[in-house]
Amino acid sequence: MMTKWSLLLGTALTVTLFAQTDTKQVPAFHQTPPAKAEKLPPIMSKEERTGPAFQRDYQDHAYELAAKIPRVIYQLPCYCFCDRAVGHKSLHSCYETAHAAHCSACLKELYFAYAETKKGKTPTQIRAAIIQGDWEKMDLNSAVEIQ
C-alpha cells in the first residue's frame, strides 16, 4: 500500500515539476533587429485606438511609446505567452492590434522597455532584464507619466 502511494506522489511531483519547467520557457522574439529594408507591420494607429479596449490613459500612451521603439520591441519576448495562443512573434506583434491594451504583461513590458531604452540600454540588455522578470515591477498607473 505504501509503495502505491509513493508511486502516486512521485508521479504527481514529476508532473508538477514538468509543468513548472514549461512556464520558464522564453516566449518568441527576434534575436536581431529587422533588416534595414524590412518594413515592420505598423503599430496600431491613434485613429484605430477607440472603444472599450482604450479606457485608461496608460493603454493609449503605451501605443504611442511603442511607435517610438518598434525595432526594440521587435526583439523582445512577451510574457503573456501570446506566441502560443495567437502566434505572435514578439512584443511588437501585440501592438499591431488591440491585444496589448487588454494585457497587463504587454503594457508593463512596453513601459519597461521604453524606460530602459531611454537609459541607453540595448535590446539585448532589455531582453535579459525582461527574462529575469524586471518588467513586473512597473506600475501602470504611474507609467503614463513616462515620456
N, C-alpha and C. Protein backbone atom coordinates (compact mmCIF):
# COMPACT_ATOMS: atom_id res chain seq x y z
N MET A 1 0.83 -1.19 0.00
CA MET A 1 0.00 0.00 0.00
C MET A 1 0.87 1.25 0.00
N MET A 2 1.95 1.24 0.81
CA MET A 2 2.84 2.38 0.89
C MET A 2 3.52 2.64 -0.45
N THR A 3 3.88 1.58 -1.17
CA THR A 3 4.54 1.71 -2.46
C THR A 3 3.61 2.37 -3.47
N LYS A 4 2.34 2.02 -3.44
CA LYS A 4 1.36 2.61 -4.34
C LYS A 4 1.27 4.12 -4.11
N TRP A 5 1.22 4.55 -2.85
CA TRP A 5 1.14 5.99 -2.53
C TRP A 5 2.44 6.70 -2.89
N SER A 6 3.56 6.03 -2.68
CA SER A 6 4.85 6.62 -3.05
C SER A 6 4.94 6.83 -4.56
N LEU A 7 4.49 5.84 -5.30
CA LEU A 7 4.50 5.95 -6.75
C LEU A 7 3.57 7.08 -7.21
N LEU A 8 2.39 7.16 -6.61
CA LEU A 8 1.43 8.22 -6.95
C LEU A 8 1.99 9.59 -6.62
N LEU A 9 2.60 9.73 -5.46
CA LEU A 9 3.20 11.00 -5.05
C LEU A 9 4.37 11.36 -5.98
N GLY A 10 5.19 10.40 -6.31
CA GLY A 10 6.32 10.64 -7.21
C GLY A 10 5.85 11.09 -8.59
N THR A 11 4.80 10.47 -9.08
CA THR A 11 4.24 10.85 -10.38
C THR A 11 3.69 12.27 -10.32
N ALA A 12 2.98 12.59 -9.25
CA ALA A 12 2.41 13.94 -9.10
C ALA A 12 3.52 15.00 -9.05
N LEU A 13 4.59 14.71 -8.32
CA LEU A 13 5.70 15.64 -8.24
C LEU A 13 6.38 15.82 -9.60
N THR A 14 6.55 14.74 -10.32
CA THR A 14 7.18 14.81 -11.64
C THR A 14 6.34 15.64 -12.60
N VAL A 15 5.03 15.43 -12.62
CA VAL A 15 4.13 16.20 -13.48
C VAL A 15 4.17 17.67 -13.10
N THR A 16 4.16 17.97 -11.81
CA THR A 16 4.21 19.35 -11.35
C THR A 16 5.50 20.03 -11.76
N LEU A 17 6.62 19.36 -11.57
CA LEU A 17 7.91 19.93 -11.96
C LEU A 17 7.99 20.13 -13.46
N PHE A 18 7.48 19.19 -14.23
CA PHE A 18 7.49 19.33 -15.70
C PHE A 18 6.65 20.53 -16.11
N ALA A 19 5.48 20.68 -15.52
CA ALA A 19 4.61 21.81 -15.86
C ALA A 19 5.27 23.13 -15.50
N GLN A 20 5.95 23.20 -14.37
CA GLN A 20 6.61 24.44 -13.97
C GLN A 20 7.79 24.75 -14.89
N THR A 21 8.49 23.75 -15.33
CA THR A 21 9.61 23.96 -16.24
C THR A 21 9.11 24.56 -17.55
N ASP A 22 7.97 24.11 -18.03
CA ASP A 22 7.41 24.61 -19.27
C ASP A 22 7.14 26.11 -19.21
N THR A 23 6.69 26.64 -18.07
CA THR A 23 6.39 28.06 -17.96
C THR A 23 7.65 28.92 -17.90
N LYS A 24 8.81 28.30 -17.72
CA LYS A 24 10.06 29.05 -17.67
C LYS A 24 10.64 29.27 -19.07
N GLN A 25 10.02 28.70 -20.07
CA GLN A 25 10.49 28.91 -21.43
C GLN A 25 10.31 30.37 -21.82
N VAL A 26 11.24 30.87 -22.58
CA VAL A 26 11.17 32.25 -23.05
C VAL A 26 10.24 32.30 -24.27
N PRO A 27 9.26 33.20 -24.24
CA PRO A 27 8.37 33.33 -25.40
C PRO A 27 9.12 33.79 -26.64
N ALA A 28 8.45 33.74 -27.78
CA ALA A 28 9.05 34.08 -29.07
C ALA A 28 9.55 35.53 -29.11
N PHE A 29 10.69 35.71 -29.77
CA PHE A 29 11.25 37.05 -30.02
C PHE A 29 12.24 36.91 -31.18
N HIS A 30 12.64 38.04 -31.72
CA HIS A 30 13.63 38.05 -32.79
C HIS A 30 14.99 38.37 -32.18
N GLN A 31 15.98 37.58 -32.50
CA GLN A 31 17.34 37.73 -31.96
C GLN A 31 18.00 39.03 -32.40
N THR A 32 17.68 39.49 -33.60
CA THR A 32 18.31 40.67 -34.17
C THR A 32 17.23 41.64 -34.66
N PRO A 33 17.62 42.89 -34.89
CA PRO A 33 16.63 43.84 -35.43
C PRO A 33 16.24 43.45 -36.86
N PRO A 34 15.12 43.95 -37.33
CA PRO A 34 14.76 43.65 -38.72
C PRO A 34 15.79 44.27 -39.66
N ALA A 35 15.92 43.69 -40.82
CA ALA A 35 16.82 44.25 -41.83
C ALA A 35 16.39 45.68 -42.15
N LYS A 36 17.35 46.51 -42.50
CA LYS A 36 17.05 47.93 -42.79
C LYS A 36 15.92 48.07 -43.81
N ALA A 37 15.91 47.22 -44.82
CA ALA A 37 14.90 47.31 -45.87
C ALA A 37 13.55 46.71 -45.45
N GLU A 38 13.54 45.93 -44.37
CA GLU A 38 12.31 45.28 -43.93
C GLU A 38 11.38 46.29 -43.26
N LYS A 39 10.17 46.34 -43.74
CA LYS A 39 9.18 47.24 -43.16
C LYS A 39 8.34 46.44 -42.18
N LEU A 40 8.36 46.86 -40.92
CA LEU A 40 7.58 46.18 -39.90
C LEU A 40 6.10 46.53 -40.05
N PRO A 41 5.22 45.62 -39.64
CA PRO A 41 3.80 45.99 -39.61
C PRO A 41 3.63 47.20 -38.69
N PRO A 42 2.71 48.09 -39.01
CA PRO A 42 2.57 49.30 -38.20
C PRO A 42 1.99 49.01 -36.81
N ILE A 43 2.39 49.84 -35.88
CA ILE A 43 1.76 49.85 -34.55
C ILE A 43 0.36 50.41 -34.76
N MET A 44 -0.60 49.90 -34.05
CA MET A 44 -1.99 50.34 -34.19
C MET A 44 -2.07 51.87 -34.08
N SER A 45 -2.71 52.50 -35.03
CA SER A 45 -2.74 53.97 -35.10
C SER A 45 -3.70 54.59 -34.08
N LYS A 46 -3.50 55.87 -33.83
CA LYS A 46 -4.34 56.63 -32.90
C LYS A 46 -5.81 56.56 -33.32
N GLU A 47 -6.07 56.64 -34.61
CA GLU A 47 -7.45 56.60 -35.11
C GLU A 47 -8.13 55.25 -34.83
N GLU A 48 -7.35 54.19 -34.80
CA GLU A 48 -7.88 52.85 -34.54
C GLU A 48 -8.08 52.58 -33.05
N ARG A 49 -7.43 53.34 -32.21
CA ARG A 49 -7.43 53.08 -30.77
C ARG A 49 -8.64 53.75 -30.11
N THR A 50 -9.80 53.12 -30.29
CA THR A 50 -11.04 53.62 -29.70
C THR A 50 -11.79 52.47 -29.05
N GLY A 51 -12.80 52.81 -28.32
CA GLY A 51 -13.68 51.79 -27.75
C GLY A 51 -13.24 51.31 -26.38
N PRO A 52 -13.85 50.22 -25.94
CA PRO A 52 -13.64 49.73 -24.57
C PRO A 52 -12.22 49.27 -24.27
N ALA A 53 -11.44 48.95 -25.28
CA ALA A 53 -10.06 48.49 -25.04
C ALA A 53 -9.16 49.64 -24.60
N PHE A 54 -9.60 50.86 -24.82
CA PHE A 54 -8.76 52.03 -24.54
C PHE A 54 -9.45 52.99 -23.57
N GLN A 55 -9.78 52.49 -22.40
CA GLN A 55 -10.47 53.27 -21.38
C GLN A 55 -9.51 54.03 -20.46
N ARG A 56 -8.30 53.57 -20.35
CA ARG A 56 -7.33 54.18 -19.43
C ARG A 56 -6.23 54.88 -20.23
N ASP A 57 -5.73 55.97 -19.68
CA ASP A 57 -4.68 56.74 -20.35
C ASP A 57 -3.45 55.90 -20.64
N TYR A 58 -3.09 55.01 -19.72
CA TYR A 58 -1.86 54.24 -19.91
C TYR A 58 -1.97 53.27 -21.07
N GLN A 59 -3.19 52.89 -21.46
CA GLN A 59 -3.33 51.99 -22.61
C GLN A 59 -2.94 52.71 -23.90
N ASP A 60 -3.55 53.85 -24.14
CA ASP A 60 -3.26 54.63 -25.35
C ASP A 60 -1.81 55.10 -25.36
N HIS A 61 -1.32 55.55 -24.21
CA HIS A 61 0.05 56.05 -24.11
C HIS A 61 1.08 54.96 -24.45
N ALA A 62 0.80 53.73 -24.05
CA ALA A 62 1.71 52.62 -24.37
C ALA A 62 1.87 52.46 -25.88
N TYR A 63 0.79 52.61 -26.62
CA TYR A 63 0.87 52.50 -28.07
C TYR A 63 1.67 53.66 -28.67
N GLU A 64 1.52 54.84 -28.10
CA GLU A 64 2.32 55.99 -28.55
C GLU A 64 3.81 55.71 -28.38
N LEU A 65 4.18 55.16 -27.22
CA LEU A 65 5.58 54.85 -26.95
C LEU A 65 6.07 53.68 -27.81
N ALA A 66 5.21 52.70 -28.03
CA ALA A 66 5.58 51.55 -28.86
C ALA A 66 5.96 52.02 -30.27
N ALA A 67 5.24 53.01 -30.77
CA ALA A 67 5.53 53.53 -32.11
C ALA A 67 6.90 54.22 -32.17
N LYS A 68 7.44 54.60 -31.01
CA LYS A 68 8.75 55.25 -30.96
C LYS A 68 9.91 54.24 -30.92
N ILE A 69 9.62 53.00 -30.52
CA ILE A 69 10.68 51.99 -30.39
C ILE A 69 10.30 50.65 -31.06
N PRO A 70 9.77 50.69 -32.27
CA PRO A 70 9.31 49.43 -32.88
C PRO A 70 10.43 48.40 -33.09
N ARG A 71 11.63 48.86 -33.42
CA ARG A 71 12.73 47.94 -33.67
C ARG A 71 13.23 47.31 -32.37
N VAL A 72 13.02 47.98 -31.25
CA VAL A 72 13.38 47.41 -29.95
C VAL A 72 12.38 46.34 -29.56
N ILE A 73 11.09 46.66 -29.59
CA ILE A 73 10.09 45.69 -29.14
C ILE A 73 9.97 44.49 -30.08
N TYR A 74 10.44 44.65 -31.30
CA TYR A 74 10.52 43.53 -32.25
C TYR A 74 11.46 42.45 -31.70
N GLN A 75 12.43 42.83 -30.89
CA GLN A 75 13.44 41.92 -30.36
C GLN A 75 13.13 41.41 -28.95
N LEU A 76 11.92 41.68 -28.46
CA LEU A 76 11.58 41.31 -27.09
C LEU A 76 10.48 40.26 -27.03
N PRO A 77 10.57 39.35 -26.05
CA PRO A 77 9.50 38.37 -25.86
C PRO A 77 8.32 39.01 -25.14
N CYS A 78 7.18 38.36 -25.19
CA CYS A 78 6.01 38.83 -24.45
C CYS A 78 5.58 37.74 -23.48
N TYR A 79 5.58 38.07 -22.21
CA TYR A 79 5.30 37.08 -21.18
C TYR A 79 3.82 36.85 -20.88
N CYS A 80 2.95 37.23 -21.81
CA CYS A 80 1.57 36.74 -21.70
C CYS A 80 1.46 35.46 -22.53
N PHE A 81 2.59 35.07 -23.14
CA PHE A 81 2.71 33.85 -23.94
C PHE A 81 1.73 33.84 -25.11
N CYS A 82 1.51 35.00 -25.69
CA CYS A 82 0.64 35.11 -26.86
C CYS A 82 1.25 34.42 -28.07
N ASP A 83 2.53 34.12 -28.02
CA ASP A 83 3.14 33.36 -29.12
C ASP A 83 2.49 31.99 -29.21
N ARG A 84 2.11 31.43 -28.09
CA ARG A 84 1.47 30.12 -28.06
C ARG A 84 -0.02 30.21 -28.40
N ALA A 85 -0.67 31.23 -27.87
CA ALA A 85 -2.13 31.33 -28.03
C ALA A 85 -2.55 31.89 -29.39
N VAL A 86 -1.85 32.92 -29.87
CA VAL A 86 -2.29 33.57 -31.11
C VAL A 86 -1.18 33.72 -32.15
N GLY A 87 -0.03 33.10 -31.91
CA GLY A 87 1.03 33.08 -32.90
C GLY A 87 1.87 34.34 -33.01
N HIS A 88 1.86 35.17 -31.98
CA HIS A 88 2.69 36.38 -32.03
C HIS A 88 4.16 36.00 -32.09
N LYS A 89 4.95 36.85 -32.72
CA LYS A 89 6.38 36.58 -32.92
C LYS A 89 7.28 37.37 -31.98
N SER A 90 6.73 38.41 -31.32
CA SER A 90 7.49 39.24 -30.39
C SER A 90 6.52 40.22 -29.73
N LEU A 91 7.04 41.06 -28.84
CA LEU A 91 6.20 42.08 -28.21
C LEU A 91 5.63 43.04 -29.25
N HIS A 92 6.34 43.25 -30.34
CA HIS A 92 5.85 44.12 -31.41
C HIS A 92 4.48 43.66 -31.91
N SER A 93 4.31 42.36 -32.07
CA SER A 93 3.04 41.81 -32.57
C SER A 93 1.85 42.25 -31.73
N CYS A 94 2.05 42.38 -30.44
CA CYS A 94 0.97 42.75 -29.51
C CYS A 94 0.44 44.16 -29.78
N TYR A 95 1.31 45.01 -30.31
CA TYR A 95 0.95 46.41 -30.54
C TYR A 95 0.48 46.68 -31.97
N GLU A 96 0.39 45.65 -32.76
CA GLU A 96 -0.15 45.79 -34.11
C GLU A 96 -1.68 45.78 -34.07
N THR A 97 -2.23 45.27 -32.98
CA THR A 97 -3.68 45.18 -32.78
C THR A 97 -4.00 45.71 -31.38
N ALA A 98 -5.24 45.56 -30.96
CA ALA A 98 -5.65 45.99 -29.62
C ALA A 98 -5.25 44.98 -28.54
N HIS A 99 -4.57 43.92 -28.91
CA HIS A 99 -4.19 42.88 -27.96
C HIS A 99 -3.51 43.45 -26.70
N ALA A 100 -2.52 44.30 -26.89
CA ALA A 100 -1.75 44.82 -25.75
C ALA A 100 -2.60 45.64 -24.79
N ALA A 101 -3.60 46.32 -25.29
CA ALA A 101 -4.44 47.16 -24.43
C ALA A 101 -5.18 46.34 -23.37
N HIS A 102 -5.40 45.07 -23.64
CA HIS A 102 -6.12 44.18 -22.73
C HIS A 102 -5.20 43.42 -21.78
N CYS A 103 -3.90 43.62 -21.90
CA CYS A 103 -2.95 42.73 -21.25
C CYS A 103 -1.93 43.49 -20.41
N SER A 104 -1.95 43.28 -19.11
CA SER A 104 -1.01 43.99 -18.24
C SER A 104 0.43 43.58 -18.51
N ALA A 105 0.68 42.33 -18.90
CA ALA A 105 2.05 41.91 -19.21
C ALA A 105 2.58 42.70 -20.41
N CYS A 106 1.79 42.79 -21.47
CA CYS A 106 2.21 43.54 -22.67
C CYS A 106 2.47 45.01 -22.32
N LEU A 107 1.57 45.59 -21.54
CA LEU A 107 1.71 47.00 -21.18
C LEU A 107 2.93 47.24 -20.31
N LYS A 108 3.10 46.44 -19.28
CA LYS A 108 4.24 46.62 -18.38
C LYS A 108 5.57 46.40 -19.10
N GLU A 109 5.62 45.41 -19.95
CA GLU A 109 6.86 45.16 -20.70
C GLU A 109 7.19 46.33 -21.61
N LEU A 110 6.18 46.90 -22.25
CA LEU A 110 6.42 48.04 -23.14
C LEU A 110 6.97 49.22 -22.36
N TYR A 111 6.33 49.56 -21.25
CA TYR A 111 6.80 50.69 -20.45
C TYR A 111 8.21 50.43 -19.92
N PHE A 112 8.47 49.21 -19.50
CA PHE A 112 9.81 48.86 -19.04
C PHE A 112 10.82 49.02 -20.17
N ALA A 113 10.49 48.49 -21.35
CA ALA A 113 11.40 48.56 -22.50
C ALA A 113 11.66 50.01 -22.90
N TYR A 114 10.63 50.82 -22.87
CA TYR A 114 10.81 52.22 -23.26
C TYR A 114 11.71 52.95 -22.27
N ALA A 115 11.45 52.76 -20.97
CA ALA A 115 12.27 53.41 -19.94
C ALA A 115 13.73 52.97 -20.04
N GLU A 116 13.96 51.69 -20.29
CA GLU A 116 15.32 51.17 -20.41
C GLU A 116 15.99 51.70 -21.68
N THR A 117 15.24 51.83 -22.75
CA THR A 117 15.78 52.40 -23.99
C THR A 117 16.22 53.83 -23.75
N LYS A 118 15.41 54.59 -23.02
CA LYS A 118 15.76 55.98 -22.71
C LYS A 118 17.03 56.06 -21.86
N LYS A 119 17.33 55.02 -21.10
CA LYS A 119 18.55 54.97 -20.29
C LYS A 119 19.76 54.54 -21.12
N GLY A 120 19.54 54.20 -22.39
CA GLY A 120 20.63 53.80 -23.26
C GLY A 120 20.88 52.30 -23.33
N LYS A 121 19.99 51.51 -22.78
CA LYS A 121 20.16 50.05 -22.82
C LYS A 121 19.87 49.53 -24.23
N THR A 122 20.56 48.47 -24.59
CA THR A 122 20.36 47.83 -25.89
C THR A 122 19.17 46.87 -25.81
N PRO A 123 18.60 46.51 -26.95
CA PRO A 123 17.53 45.50 -26.92
C PRO A 123 17.97 44.19 -26.26
N THR A 124 19.21 43.79 -26.46
CA THR A 124 19.71 42.56 -25.83
C THR A 124 19.71 42.70 -24.31
N GLN A 125 20.15 43.84 -23.80
CA GLN A 125 20.14 44.07 -22.35
C GLN A 125 18.72 44.13 -21.81
N ILE A 126 17.85 44.78 -22.54
CA ILE A 126 16.45 44.89 -22.12
C ILE A 126 15.80 43.51 -22.10
N ARG A 127 16.07 42.72 -23.14
CA ARG A 127 15.52 41.37 -23.21
C ARG A 127 15.97 40.54 -22.01
N ALA A 128 17.24 40.63 -21.65
CA ALA A 128 17.75 39.88 -20.49
C ALA A 128 17.03 40.29 -19.21
N ALA A 129 16.80 41.58 -19.05
CA ALA A 129 16.09 42.07 -17.85
C ALA A 129 14.63 41.62 -17.86
N ILE A 130 14.01 41.60 -19.02
CA ILE A 130 12.63 41.12 -19.12
C ILE A 130 12.56 39.64 -18.77
N ILE A 131 13.49 38.86 -19.27
CA ILE A 131 13.53 37.43 -18.97
C ILE A 131 13.69 37.21 -17.46
N GLN A 132 14.43 38.09 -16.79
CA GLN A 132 14.60 38.00 -15.33
C GLN A 132 13.33 38.43 -14.59
N GLY A 133 12.39 39.06 -15.28
CA GLY A 133 11.14 39.47 -14.64
C GLY A 133 11.12 40.91 -14.16
N ASP A 134 12.12 41.71 -14.53
CA ASP A 134 12.17 43.09 -14.06
C ASP A 134 10.97 43.93 -14.50
N TRP A 135 10.34 43.59 -15.60
CA TRP A 135 9.18 44.31 -16.11
C TRP A 135 7.98 44.25 -15.16
N GLU A 136 7.92 43.21 -14.34
CA GLU A 136 6.77 43.01 -13.45
C GLU A 136 6.64 44.11 -12.39
N LYS A 137 7.71 44.86 -12.16
CA LYS A 137 7.69 45.92 -11.15
C LYS A 137 7.03 47.20 -11.64
N MET A 138 6.75 47.29 -12.93
CA MET A 138 6.17 48.52 -13.49
C MET A 138 4.77 48.76 -12.93
N ASP A 139 4.50 50.01 -12.60
CA ASP A 139 3.18 50.41 -12.11
C ASP A 139 2.46 51.13 -13.26
N LEU A 140 1.41 50.54 -13.77
CA LEU A 140 0.72 51.10 -14.93
C LEU A 140 0.10 52.46 -14.63
N ASN A 141 -0.35 52.68 -13.42
CA ASN A 141 -0.99 53.95 -13.10
C ASN A 141 -0.01 55.12 -13.15
N SER A 142 1.25 54.88 -12.83
CA SER A 142 2.23 55.97 -12.92
C SER A 142 3.00 55.94 -14.25
N ALA A 143 2.87 54.85 -15.00
CA ALA A 143 3.61 54.71 -16.26
C ALA A 143 3.19 55.76 -17.29
N VAL A 144 1.99 56.25 -17.20
CA VAL A 144 1.50 57.23 -18.17
C VAL A 144 2.34 58.50 -18.13
N GLU A 145 3.10 58.72 -17.06
CA GLU A 145 3.95 59.89 -16.94
C GLU A 145 5.29 59.73 -17.66
N ILE A 146 5.60 58.52 -18.10
CA ILE A 146 6.86 58.26 -18.81
C ILE A 146 6.79 58.93 -20.17
N GLN A 147 7.80 59.72 -20.46
CA GLN A 147 7.84 60.43 -21.75
C GLN A 147 9.00 60.01 -22.56
